[in-house]
């Protein structure tokens, strides 16, 4: 299991190496462009390749890019969806140049008034388009916290989405612990954790899981509210995380926290995850 955090690229992509070292990470996630804008990545291919070589030369492990928050692959607005596909596809191209493991894309929301099947089909078409440039990288679908219009927040939903996308081999899964908890999985209890990851196996998805976002939750189970807090300081708690990190499917993954705070807070969360993984 690789353990890390979402890290800064201040000073350019190569800044991620120092940021990862500063938090004690051997895996990381970064933005490829402004996370709150429609601007496409502007890194030249040669610069991206240089960064990828430097990352690997440092002996660091899996590296993921996260598509900007703007992206909604299931939007009922076709223009918005096209812009989302364009931006996410450009991020995949950057990941390919770097040699990154994948690009995280949220499963999306079709809105409360859209027929769920239409939303699912729109998301599947978007994913197939985004995955076209992916040769070595993967498009990693992040399950959401649920709520009206959500395309995929549970593992049965994830299987339906992958089936709609013809089980394309370029698609993988990201499980965010805060999102799963918000969607109703009892990750605060070892029995609930076993049920959750047992369901992952029953759905035939264990090998699709490539990334776990390790985030504690400020809000109760089933709230459909996505609000991250630091490991052990939320309602999942250390007992829940110790059980999550013991799951075989998780131990094959990169486990990356997206928790609040500064460098020392992220370093503490990475250290806590490593400690809990030894229990």
C-alpha atoms as a PDB file:
ATOM      1  CA  UNK A   1       0.000   0.000   0.000  1.00  0.00           C
ATOM      2  CA  UNK A   2       1.237   3.481  -0.898  1.00  0.00           C
ATOM      3  CA  UNK A   3       0.300   6.367   1.368  1.00  0.00           C
ATOM      4  CA  UNK A   4       0.205  10.052   0.572  1.00  0.00           C
ATOM      5  CA  UNK A   5      -1.773  13.230   0.095  1.00  0.00           C
ATOM      6  CA  UNK A   6      -2.991  15.768  -2.402  1.00  0.00           C
ATOM      7  CA  UNK A   7       0.033  18.055  -2.672  1.00  0.00           C
ATOM      8  CA  UNK A   8       0.927  21.478  -3.993  1.00  0.00           C
ATOM      9  CA  UNK A   9       2.630  22.143  -7.325  1.00  0.00           C
ATOM     10  CA  UNK A  10       3.753  25.617  -6.306  1.00  0.00           C
ATOM     11  CA  UNK A  11       6.539  26.677  -8.634  1.00  0.00           C
ATOM     12  CA  UNK A  12       5.427  24.256 -11.340  1.00  0.00           C
ATOM     13  CA  UNK A  13       4.797  20.518 -11.524  1.00  0.00           C
ATOM     14  CA  UNK A  14       8.242  19.694 -10.152  1.00  0.00           C
ATOM     15  CA  UNK A  15       7.200  21.401  -6.907  1.00  0.00           C
ATOM     16  CA  UNK A  16       5.064  18.328  -6.183  1.00  0.00           C
ATOM     17  CA  UNK A  17       8.211  16.352  -5.400  1.00  0.00           C
ATOM     18  CA  UNK A  18       9.217  18.625  -2.530  1.00  0.00           C
ATOM     19  CA  UNK A  19       5.594  18.862  -1.376  1.00  0.00           C
ATOM     20  CA  UNK A  20       5.290  15.067  -1.263  1.00  0.00           C
ATOM     21  CA  UNK A  21       8.556  14.728   0.643  1.00  0.00           C
ATOM     22  CA  UNK A  22       7.444  17.398   3.114  1.00  0.00           C
ATOM     23  CA  UNK A  23       4.372  15.394   4.146  1.00  0.00           C
ATOM     24  CA  UNK A  24       6.148  12.030   4.133  1.00  0.00           C
ATOM     25  CA  UNK A  25       4.214  10.747   1.132  1.00  0.00           C
ATOM     26  CA  UNK A  26       5.266   7.994  -1.253  1.00  0.00           C
ATOM     27  CA  UNK A  27       2.193   8.612  -3.457  1.00  0.00           C
ATOM     28  CA  UNK A  28       0.363  11.804  -4.341  1.00  0.00           C
ATOM     29  CA  UNK A  29      -2.392  13.575  -6.191  1.00  0.00           C
ATOM     30  CA  UNK A  30      -2.059  16.957  -7.910  1.00  0.00           C
ATOM     31  CA  UNK A  31      -4.058  19.388 -10.023  1.00  0.00           C
ATOM     32  CA  UNK A  32      -3.098  19.601 -13.670  1.00  0.00           C
ATOM     33  CA  UNK A  33      -4.615  23.075 -14.043  1.00  0.00           C
ATOM     34  CA  UNK A  34      -6.613  25.606 -12.023  1.00  0.00           C
ATOM     35  CA  UNK A  35      -9.131  23.485 -10.068  1.00  0.00           C
ATOM     36  CA  UNK A  36     -11.808  26.191 -10.150  1.00  0.00           C
ATOM     37  CA  UNK A  37     -11.630  27.310 -13.776  1.00  0.00           C
ATOM     38  CA  UNK A  38     -12.197  26.017 -17.301  1.00  0.00           C
ATOM     39  CA  UNK A  39      -8.602  26.700 -18.349  1.00  0.00           C
ATOM     40  CA  UNK A  40      -6.897  23.720 -19.975  1.00  0.00           C
ATOM     41  CA  UNK A  41      -3.494  22.500 -18.745  1.00  0.00           C
ATOM     42  CA  UNK A  42      -0.703  24.580 -20.257  1.00  0.00           C
ATOM     43  CA  UNK A  43       2.328  22.393 -19.434  1.00  0.00           C
ATOM     44  CA  UNK A  44       4.387  21.530 -22.506  1.00  0.00           C
ATOM     45  CA  UNK A  45       4.808  17.818 -23.204  1.00  0.00           C
ATOM     46  CA  UNK A  46       8.589  17.894 -22.748  1.00  0.00           C
ATOM     47  CA  UNK A  47       8.260  19.662 -19.386  1.00  0.00           C
ATOM     48  CA  UNK A  48       5.648  17.093 -18.335  1.00  0.00           C
ATOM     49  CA  UNK A  49       7.933  14.227 -19.348  1.00  0.00           C
ATOM     50  CA  UNK A  50      10.838  15.784 -17.420  1.00  0.00           C
ATOM     51  CA  UNK A  51       8.662  16.009 -14.312  1.00  0.00           C
ATOM     52  CA  UNK A  52       7.567  12.393 -14.680  1.00  0.00           C
ATOM     53  CA  UNK A  53      11.169  11.232 -14.946  1.00  0.00           C
ATOM     54  CA  UNK A  54      12.146  13.297 -11.905  1.00  0.00           C
ATOM     55  CA  UNK A  55       9.224  11.869  -9.894  1.00  0.00           C
ATOM     56  CA  UNK A  56      10.255   8.308 -10.679  1.00  0.00           C
ATOM     57  CA  UNK A  57      13.966   9.032 -10.140  1.00  0.00           C
ATOM     58  CA  UNK A  58      13.068  10.134  -6.608  1.00  0.00           C
ATOM     59  CA  UNK A  59      11.663   6.660  -5.973  1.00  0.00           C
ATOM     60  CA  UNK A  60       8.148   7.966  -5.456  1.00  0.00           C
ATOM     61  CA  UNK A  61       5.148   5.754  -6.163  1.00  0.00           C
ATOM     62  CA  UNK A  62       1.735   6.269  -7.758  1.00  0.00           C
ATOM     63  CA  UNK A  63       0.824   9.752  -8.972  1.00  0.00           C
ATOM     64  CA  UNK A  64      -2.699  10.846  -9.880  1.00  0.00           C
ATOM     65  CA  UNK A  65      -4.072  14.037 -11.366  1.00  0.00           C
ATOM     66  CA  UNK A  66      -7.505  15.292 -10.332  1.00  0.00           C
ATOM     67  CA  UNK A  67      -9.787  16.847 -12.937  1.00  0.00           C
ATOM     68  CA  UNK A  68     -10.957  20.367 -11.993  1.00  0.00           C
ATOM     69  CA  UNK A  69     -14.089  20.826  -9.903  1.00  0.00           C
ATOM     70  CA  UNK A  70     -15.866  22.326 -12.912  1.00  0.00           C
ATOM     71  CA  UNK A  71     -16.117  18.936 -14.626  1.00  0.00           C
ATOM     72  CA  UNK A  72     -19.554  17.279 -14.525  1.00  0.00           C
ATOM     73  CA  UNK A  73     -19.674  14.319 -16.889  1.00  0.00           C
ATOM     74  CA  UNK A  74     -23.411  13.782 -16.332  1.00  0.00           C
ATOM     75  CA  UNK A  75     -24.646  17.362 -16.697  1.00  0.00           C
ATOM     76  CA  UNK A  76     -28.057  17.617 -18.396  1.00  0.00           C
ATOM     77  CA  UNK A  77     -26.708  20.705 -20.195  1.00  0.00           C
ATOM     78  CA  UNK A  78     -24.997  19.364 -23.325  1.00  0.00           C
ATOM     79  CA  UNK A  79     -22.693  22.405 -23.707  1.00  0.00           C
ATOM     80  CA  UNK A  80     -21.559  22.103 -20.098  1.00  0.00           C
ATOM     81  CA  UNK A  81     -20.971  18.394 -20.611  1.00  0.00           C
ATOM     82  CA  UNK A  82     -18.896  19.010 -23.763  1.00  0.00           C
ATOM     83  CA  UNK A  83     -16.738  21.529 -21.914  1.00  0.00           C
ATOM     84  CA  UNK A  84     -16.320  19.015 -19.088  1.00  0.00           C
ATOM     85  CA  UNK A  85     -15.205  16.302 -21.499  1.00  0.00           C
ATOM     86  CA  UNK A  86     -12.760  18.660 -23.202  1.00  0.00           C
ATOM     87  CA  UNK A  87     -11.159  19.712 -19.910  1.00  0.00           C
ATOM     88  CA  UNK A  88     -10.964  16.190 -18.476  1.00  0.00           C
ATOM     89  CA  UNK A  89      -9.550  14.839 -21.761  1.00  0.00           C
ATOM     90  CA  UNK A  90      -6.829  17.494 -21.740  1.00  0.00           C
ATOM     91  CA  UNK A  91      -5.972  16.418 -18.192  1.00  0.00           C
ATOM     92  CA  UNK A  92      -5.675  12.800 -19.365  1.00  0.00           C
ATOM     93  CA  UNK A  93      -3.270  13.905 -22.109  1.00  0.00           C
ATOM     94  CA  UNK A  94      -1.136  15.645 -19.485  1.00  0.00           C
ATOM     95  CA  UNK A  95      -1.199  12.502 -17.319  1.00  0.00           C
ATOM     96  CA  UNK A  96      -0.019  10.460 -20.299  1.00  0.00           C
ATOM     97  CA  UNK A  97       2.894  12.841 -20.900  1.00  0.00           C
ATOM     98  CA  UNK A  98       3.889  12.669 -17.222  1.00  0.00           C
ATOM     99  CA  UNK A  99       3.453   8.911 -17.004  1.00  0.00           C
ATOM    100  CA  UNK A 100       0.963   9.355 -14.171  1.00  0.00           C
ATOM    101  CA  UNK A 101      -1.209   6.490 -13.017  1.00  0.00           C
ATOM    102  CA  UNK A 102      -4.529   8.146 -13.683  1.00  0.00           C
ATOM    103  CA  UNK A 103      -6.905  11.088 -13.694  1.00  0.00           C
ATOM    104  CA  UNK A 104      -9.637  11.280 -11.072  1.00  0.00           C
ATOM    105  CA  UNK A 105     -13.034  12.310 -12.441  1.00  0.00           C
ATOM    106  CA  UNK A 106     -16.142  12.591 -10.276  1.00  0.00           C
ATOM    107  CA  UNK A 107     -19.010  10.329 -11.327  1.00  0.00           C
ATOM    108  CA  UNK A 108     -21.152  13.428 -11.765  1.00  0.00           C
ATOM    109  CA  UNK A 109     -24.686  14.599 -11.159  1.00  0.00           C
ATOM    110  CA  UNK A 110     -27.534  14.747 -13.637  1.00  0.00           C
ATOM    111  CA  UNK A 111     -29.724  16.997 -11.495  1.00  0.00           C
ATOM    112  CA  UNK A 112     -32.872  16.108  -9.629  1.00  0.00           C
ATOM    113  CA  UNK A 113     -35.176  16.535 -12.638  1.00  0.00           C
ATOM    114  CA  UNK A 114     -33.279  14.247 -15.051  1.00  0.00           C
ATOM    115  CA  UNK A 115     -34.254  10.618 -15.565  1.00  0.00           C
ATOM    116  CA  UNK A 116     -31.552   8.578 -13.761  1.00  0.00           C
ATOM    117  CA  UNK A 117     -30.955   6.353 -16.796  1.00  0.00           C
ATOM    118  CA  UNK A 118     -30.312   9.376 -19.009  1.00  0.00           C
ATOM    119  CA  UNK A 119     -27.806  10.680 -16.493  1.00  0.00           C
ATOM    120  CA  UNK A 120     -26.070   7.324 -16.313  1.00  0.00           C
ATOM    121  CA  UNK A 121     -25.836   7.050 -20.110  1.00  0.00           C
ATOM    122  CA  UNK A 122     -24.532  10.609 -20.426  1.00  0.00           C
ATOM    123  CA  UNK A 123     -21.842   9.912 -17.832  1.00  0.00           C
ATOM    124  CA  UNK A 124     -20.846   6.675 -19.575  1.00  0.00           C
ATOM    125  CA  UNK A 125     -20.533   8.411 -22.967  1.00  0.00           C
ATOM    126  CA  UNK A 126     -18.472  11.170 -21.375  1.00  0.00           C
ATOM    127  CA  UNK A 127     -16.130   8.670 -19.728  1.00  0.00           C
ATOM    128  CA  UNK A 128     -15.520   6.828 -22.997  1.00  0.00           C
ATOM    129  CA  UNK A 129     -14.674  10.108 -24.715  1.00  0.00           C
ATOM    130  CA  UNK A 130     -12.357  11.193 -21.894  1.00  0.00           C
ATOM    131  CA  UNK A 131     -10.576   7.822 -21.959  1.00  0.00           C
ATOM    132  CA  UNK A 132      -9.673   7.953 -25.670  1.00  0.00           C
ATOM    133  CA  UNK A 133      -6.143   9.336 -25.137  1.00  0.00           C
ATOM    134  CA  UNK A 134      -5.476   6.995 -22.201  1.00  0.00           C
ATOM    135  CA  UNK A 135      -2.868   4.391 -23.057  1.00  0.00           C
ATOM    136  CA  UNK A 136      -1.004   3.858 -19.792  1.00  0.00           C
ATOM    137  CA  UNK A 137      -2.985   6.142 -17.477  1.00  0.00           C
ATOM    138  CA  UNK A 138      -6.491   5.325 -16.304  1.00  0.00           C
ATOM    139  CA  UNK A 139      -9.625   7.416 -15.941  1.00  0.00           C
ATOM    140  CA  UNK A 140     -10.420   6.891 -12.268  1.00  0.00           C
ATOM    141  CA  UNK A 141     -14.092   7.371 -11.444  1.00  0.00           C
ATOM    142  CA  UNK A 142     -14.631   8.842  -7.993  1.00  0.00           C
ATOM    143  CA  UNK A 143     -17.891   7.845  -6.324  1.00  0.00           C
ATOM    144  CA  UNK A 144     -19.791  10.784  -4.871  1.00  0.00           C
ATOM    145  CA  UNK A 145     -21.577  11.427  -1.566  1.00  0.00           C
ATOM    146  CA  UNK A 146     -24.983  10.754  -3.112  1.00  0.00           C
ATOM    147  CA  UNK A 147     -28.132  12.805  -3.074  1.00  0.00           C
ATOM    148  CA  UNK A 148     -30.582  13.747  -5.806  1.00  0.00           C
ATOM    149  CA  UNK A 149     -29.194  13.387  -9.295  1.00  0.00           C
ATOM    150  CA  UNK A 150     -26.016  11.590  -8.249  1.00  0.00           C
ATOM    151  CA  UNK A 151     -24.930   9.040 -10.865  1.00  0.00           C
ATOM    152  CA  UNK A 152     -22.794   6.759  -8.692  1.00  0.00           C
ATOM    153  CA  UNK A 153     -22.321   6.840  -4.925  1.00  0.00           C
ATOM    154  CA  UNK A 154     -22.436   3.104  -4.129  1.00  0.00           C
ATOM    155  CA  UNK A 155     -20.668   0.078  -5.559  1.00  0.00           C
ATOM    156  CA  UNK A 156     -23.836  -1.247  -7.275  1.00  0.00           C
ATOM    157  CA  UNK A 157     -24.153   2.183  -8.932  1.00  0.00           C
ATOM    158  CA  UNK A 158     -20.491   1.952  -9.960  1.00  0.00           C
ATOM    159  CA  UNK A 159     -21.087  -1.418 -11.601  1.00  0.00           C
ATOM    160  CA  UNK A 160     -24.050  -0.009 -13.536  1.00  0.00           C
ATOM    161  CA  UNK A 161     -21.948   2.927 -14.726  1.00  0.00           C
ATOM    162  CA  UNK A 162     -19.084   0.690 -15.823  1.00  0.00           C
ATOM    163  CA  UNK A 163     -21.502  -1.622 -17.631  1.00  0.00           C
ATOM    164  CA  UNK A 164     -22.989   1.380 -19.440  1.00  0.00           C
ATOM    165  CA  UNK A 165     -19.411   2.263 -20.457  1.00  0.00           C
ATOM    166  CA  UNK A 166     -18.969  -1.292 -21.839  1.00  0.00           C
ATOM    167  CA  UNK A 167     -16.543  -2.113 -19.020  1.00  0.00           C
ATOM    168  CA  UNK A 168     -13.798  -0.269 -20.864  1.00  0.00           C
ATOM    169  CA  UNK A 169     -10.410  -1.398 -19.544  1.00  0.00           C
ATOM    170  CA  UNK A 170      -9.209   2.216 -19.270  1.00  0.00           C
ATOM    171  CA  UNK A 171     -11.721   2.948 -16.492  1.00  0.00           C
ATOM    172  CA  UNK A 172     -10.947   2.387 -12.810  1.00  0.00           C
ATOM    173  CA  UNK A 173     -12.481   3.365  -9.464  1.00  0.00           C
ATOM    174  CA  UNK A 174     -11.666   5.725  -6.614  1.00  0.00           C
ATOM    175  CA  UNK A 175     -13.411   5.206  -3.262  1.00  0.00           C
ATOM    176  CA  UNK A 176     -13.495   8.283  -1.038  1.00  0.00           C
ATOM    177  CA  UNK A 177     -14.119   7.272   2.574  1.00  0.00           C
ATOM    178  CA  UNK A 178     -15.990  10.495   3.395  1.00  0.00           C
ATOM    179  CA  UNK A 179     -18.203  10.045   0.327  1.00  0.00           C
ATOM    180  CA  UNK A 180     -18.926   6.381   1.104  1.00  0.00           C
ATOM    181  CA  UNK A 181     -19.816   7.303   4.686  1.00  0.00           C
ATOM    182  CA  UNK A 182     -22.049  10.148   3.493  1.00  0.00           C
ATOM    183  CA  UNK A 183     -23.727   7.737   1.062  1.00  0.00           C
ATOM    184  CA  UNK A 184     -24.653   5.454   3.958  1.00  0.00           C
ATOM    185  CA  UNK A 185     -21.851   2.894   4.382  1.00  0.00           C
ATOM    186  CA  UNK A 186     -21.070   2.288   8.074  1.00  0.00           C
ATOM    187  CA  UNK A 187     -17.332   2.910   7.868  1.00  0.00           C
ATOM    188  CA  UNK A 188     -17.257   3.887  11.535  1.00  0.00           C
ATOM    189  CA  UNK A 189     -17.801   0.246  12.468  1.00  0.00           C
ATOM    190  CA  UNK A 190     -15.589  -2.740  11.537  1.00  0.00           C
ATOM    191  CA  UNK A 191     -18.625  -4.821  10.576  1.00  0.00           C
ATOM    192  CA  UNK A 192     -19.844  -1.999   8.327  1.00  0.00           C
ATOM    193  CA  UNK A 193     -16.407  -1.758   6.724  1.00  0.00           C
ATOM    194  CA  UNK A 194     -16.437  -5.489   6.007  1.00  0.00           C
ATOM    195  CA  UNK A 195     -19.890  -5.180   4.451  1.00  0.00           C
ATOM    196  CA  UNK A 196     -18.798  -2.230   2.306  1.00  0.00           C
ATOM    197  CA  UNK A 197     -15.712  -3.884   0.853  1.00  0.00           C
ATOM    198  CA  UNK A 198     -17.479  -7.228   0.671  1.00  0.00           C
ATOM    199  CA  UNK A 199     -19.998  -5.518  -1.590  1.00  0.00           C
ATOM    200  CA  UNK A 200     -17.124  -4.199  -3.700  1.00  0.00           C
ATOM    201  CA  UNK A 201     -16.061  -7.822  -4.201  1.00  0.00           C
ATOM    202  CA  UNK A 202     -19.593  -9.088  -4.817  1.00  0.00           C
ATOM    203  CA  UNK A 203     -20.011  -6.480  -7.537  1.00  0.00           C
ATOM    204  CA  UNK A 204     -16.841  -7.798  -9.189  1.00  0.00           C
ATOM    205  CA  UNK A 205     -15.087  -4.441  -8.746  1.00  0.00           C
ATOM    206  CA  UNK A 206     -12.190  -5.180  -6.396  1.00  0.00           C
ATOM    207  CA  UNK A 207      -9.630  -5.152  -9.215  1.00  0.00           C
ATOM    208  CA  UNK A 208     -11.041  -1.884 -10.556  1.00  0.00           C
ATOM    209  CA  UNK A 209     -10.233  -0.073  -7.314  1.00  0.00           C
ATOM    210  CA  UNK A 210      -6.988   1.830  -7.894  1.00  0.00           C
ATOM    211  CA  UNK A 211      -7.227   4.704  -5.449  1.00  0.00           C
ATOM    212  CA  UNK A 212      -8.684   5.414  -2.013  1.00  0.00           C
ATOM    213  CA  UNK A 213      -9.222   8.972  -0.848  1.00  0.00           C
ATOM    214  CA  UNK A 214      -8.795   8.735   2.913  1.00  0.00           C
ATOM    215  CA  UNK A 215     -10.857  11.538   4.434  1.00  0.00           C
ATOM    216  CA  UNK A 216     -12.671  11.619   7.762  1.00  0.00           C
ATOM    217  CA  UNK A 217     -16.185  13.104   7.816  1.00  0.00           C
ATOM    218  CA  UNK A 218     -17.594  16.103   9.674  1.00  0.00           C
ATOM    219  CA  UNK A 219     -21.182  14.956   9.105  1.00  0.00           C
ATOM    220  CA  UNK A 220     -23.062  11.790  10.093  1.00  0.00           C
ATOM    221  CA  UNK A 221     -23.369   8.617   8.084  1.00  0.00           C
ATOM    222  CA  UNK A 222     -25.975   8.884   5.320  1.00  0.00           C
ATOM    223  CA  UNK A 223     -26.021  12.686   5.373  1.00  0.00           C
ATOM    224  CA  UNK A 224     -25.041  13.023   1.671  1.00  0.00           C
ATOM    225  CA  UNK A 225     -22.810  15.884   2.807  1.00  0.00           C
ATOM    226  CA  UNK A 226     -19.219  15.938   1.595  1.00  0.00           C
ATOM    227  CA  UNK A 227     -17.119  17.691   4.227  1.00  0.00           C
ATOM    228  CA  UNK A 228     -13.631  16.330   4.896  1.00  0.00           C
ATOM    229  CA  UNK A 229     -11.774  16.514   8.165  1.00  0.00           C
ATOM    230  CA  UNK A 230      -8.487  15.116   9.414  1.00  0.00           C
ATOM    231  CA  UNK A 231      -7.969  11.417  10.025  1.00  0.00           C
ATOM    232  CA  UNK A 232      -9.367  10.350  13.395  1.00  0.00           C
ATOM    233  CA  UNK A 233     -10.959  13.728  14.081  1.00  0.00           C
ATOM    234  CA  UNK A 234     -14.280  13.014  12.392  1.00  0.00           C
ATOM    235  CA  UNK A 235     -17.128  10.535  12.657  1.00  0.00           C
ATOM    236  CA  UNK A 236     -15.355   7.653  10.916  1.00  0.00           C
ATOM    237  CA  UNK A 237     -12.599   7.760  13.503  1.00  0.00           C
ATOM    238  CA  UNK A 238      -9.425   5.771  13.995  1.00  0.00           C
ATOM    239  CA  UNK A 239     -11.256   2.485  14.574  1.00  0.00           C
ATOM    240  CA  UNK A 240     -12.993   2.868  11.234  1.00  0.00           C
ATOM    241  CA  UNK A 241      -9.792   3.762   9.384  1.00  0.00           C
ATOM    242  CA  UNK A 242      -7.853   0.884  10.936  1.00  0.00           C
ATOM    243  CA  UNK A 243     -10.490  -1.492   9.590  1.00  0.00           C
ATOM    244  CA  UNK A 244     -10.581   0.198   6.168  1.00  0.00           C
ATOM    245  CA  UNK A 245      -6.797   0.008   5.820  1.00  0.00           C
ATOM    246  CA  UNK A 246      -6.860  -3.703   6.679  1.00  0.00           C
ATOM    247  CA  UNK A 247      -9.043  -4.551   3.674  1.00  0.00           C
ATOM    248  CA  UNK A 248      -7.144  -6.505   0.967  1.00  0.00           C
ATOM    249  CA  UNK A 249      -8.599  -4.378  -1.841  1.00  0.00           C
ATOM    250  CA  UNK A 250      -7.376  -1.217  -0.086  1.00  0.00           C
ATOM    251  CA  UNK A 251      -3.921  -2.589   0.586  1.00  0.00           C
ATOM    252  CA  UNK A 252      -3.386  -2.950  -3.171  1.00  0.00           C
ATOM    253  CA  UNK A 253      -4.156   0.740  -3.719  1.00  0.00           C
ATOM    254  CA  UNK A 254      -2.667   4.150  -3.274  1.00  0.00           C
ATOM    255  CA  UNK A 255      -4.287   5.746  -0.208  1.00  0.00           C
ATOM    256  CA  UNK A 256      -4.268   9.531  -0.464  1.00  0.00           C
ATOM    257  CA  UNK A 257      -5.754  12.031   1.973  1.00  0.00           C
ATOM    258  CA  UNK A 258      -7.428  15.275   0.890  1.00  0.00           C
ATOM    259  CA  UNK A 259      -7.734  16.689   4.363  1.00  0.00           C
ATOM    260  CA  UNK A 260      -7.725  20.347   5.468  1.00  0.00           C
ATOM    261  CA  UNK A 261      -4.870  22.318   6.939  1.00  0.00           C
ATOM    262  CA  UNK A 262      -1.247  23.063   6.162  1.00  0.00           C
ATOM    263  CA  UNK A 263       1.794  20.892   5.498  1.00  0.00           C
ATOM    264  CA  UNK A 264       2.138  19.783   9.113  1.00  0.00           C
ATOM    265  CA  UNK A 265      -1.537  18.724   9.197  1.00  0.00           C
ATOM    266  CA  UNK A 266      -1.159  16.631   6.029  1.00  0.00           C
ATOM    267  CA  UNK A 267       2.076  15.123   7.389  1.00  0.00           C
ATOM    268  CA  UNK A 268       0.231  14.160  10.576  1.00  0.00           C
ATOM    269  CA  UNK A 269      -2.571  12.527   8.564  1.00  0.00           C
ATOM    270  CA  UNK A 270      -0.110  10.544   6.418  1.00  0.00           C
ATOM    271  CA  UNK A 271       1.674   9.363   9.577  1.00  0.00           C
ATOM    272  CA  UNK A 272      -1.645   8.445  11.196  1.00  0.00           C
ATOM    273  CA  UNK A 273      -2.673   6.367   8.183  1.00  0.00           C
ATOM    274  CA  UNK A 274       0.630   4.503   8.275  1.00  0.00           C
ATOM    275  CA  UNK A 275       0.263   3.855  12.003  1.00  0.00           C
ATOM    276  CA  UNK A 276      -3.302   2.591  11.634  1.00  0.00           C
ATOM    277  CA  UNK A 277      -2.324   0.377   8.688  1.00  0.00           C
ATOM    278  CA  UNK A 278       0.000  -1.555  11.043  1.00  0.00           C
ATOM    279  CA  UNK A 279      -2.756  -2.425  13.510  1.00  0.00           C
END
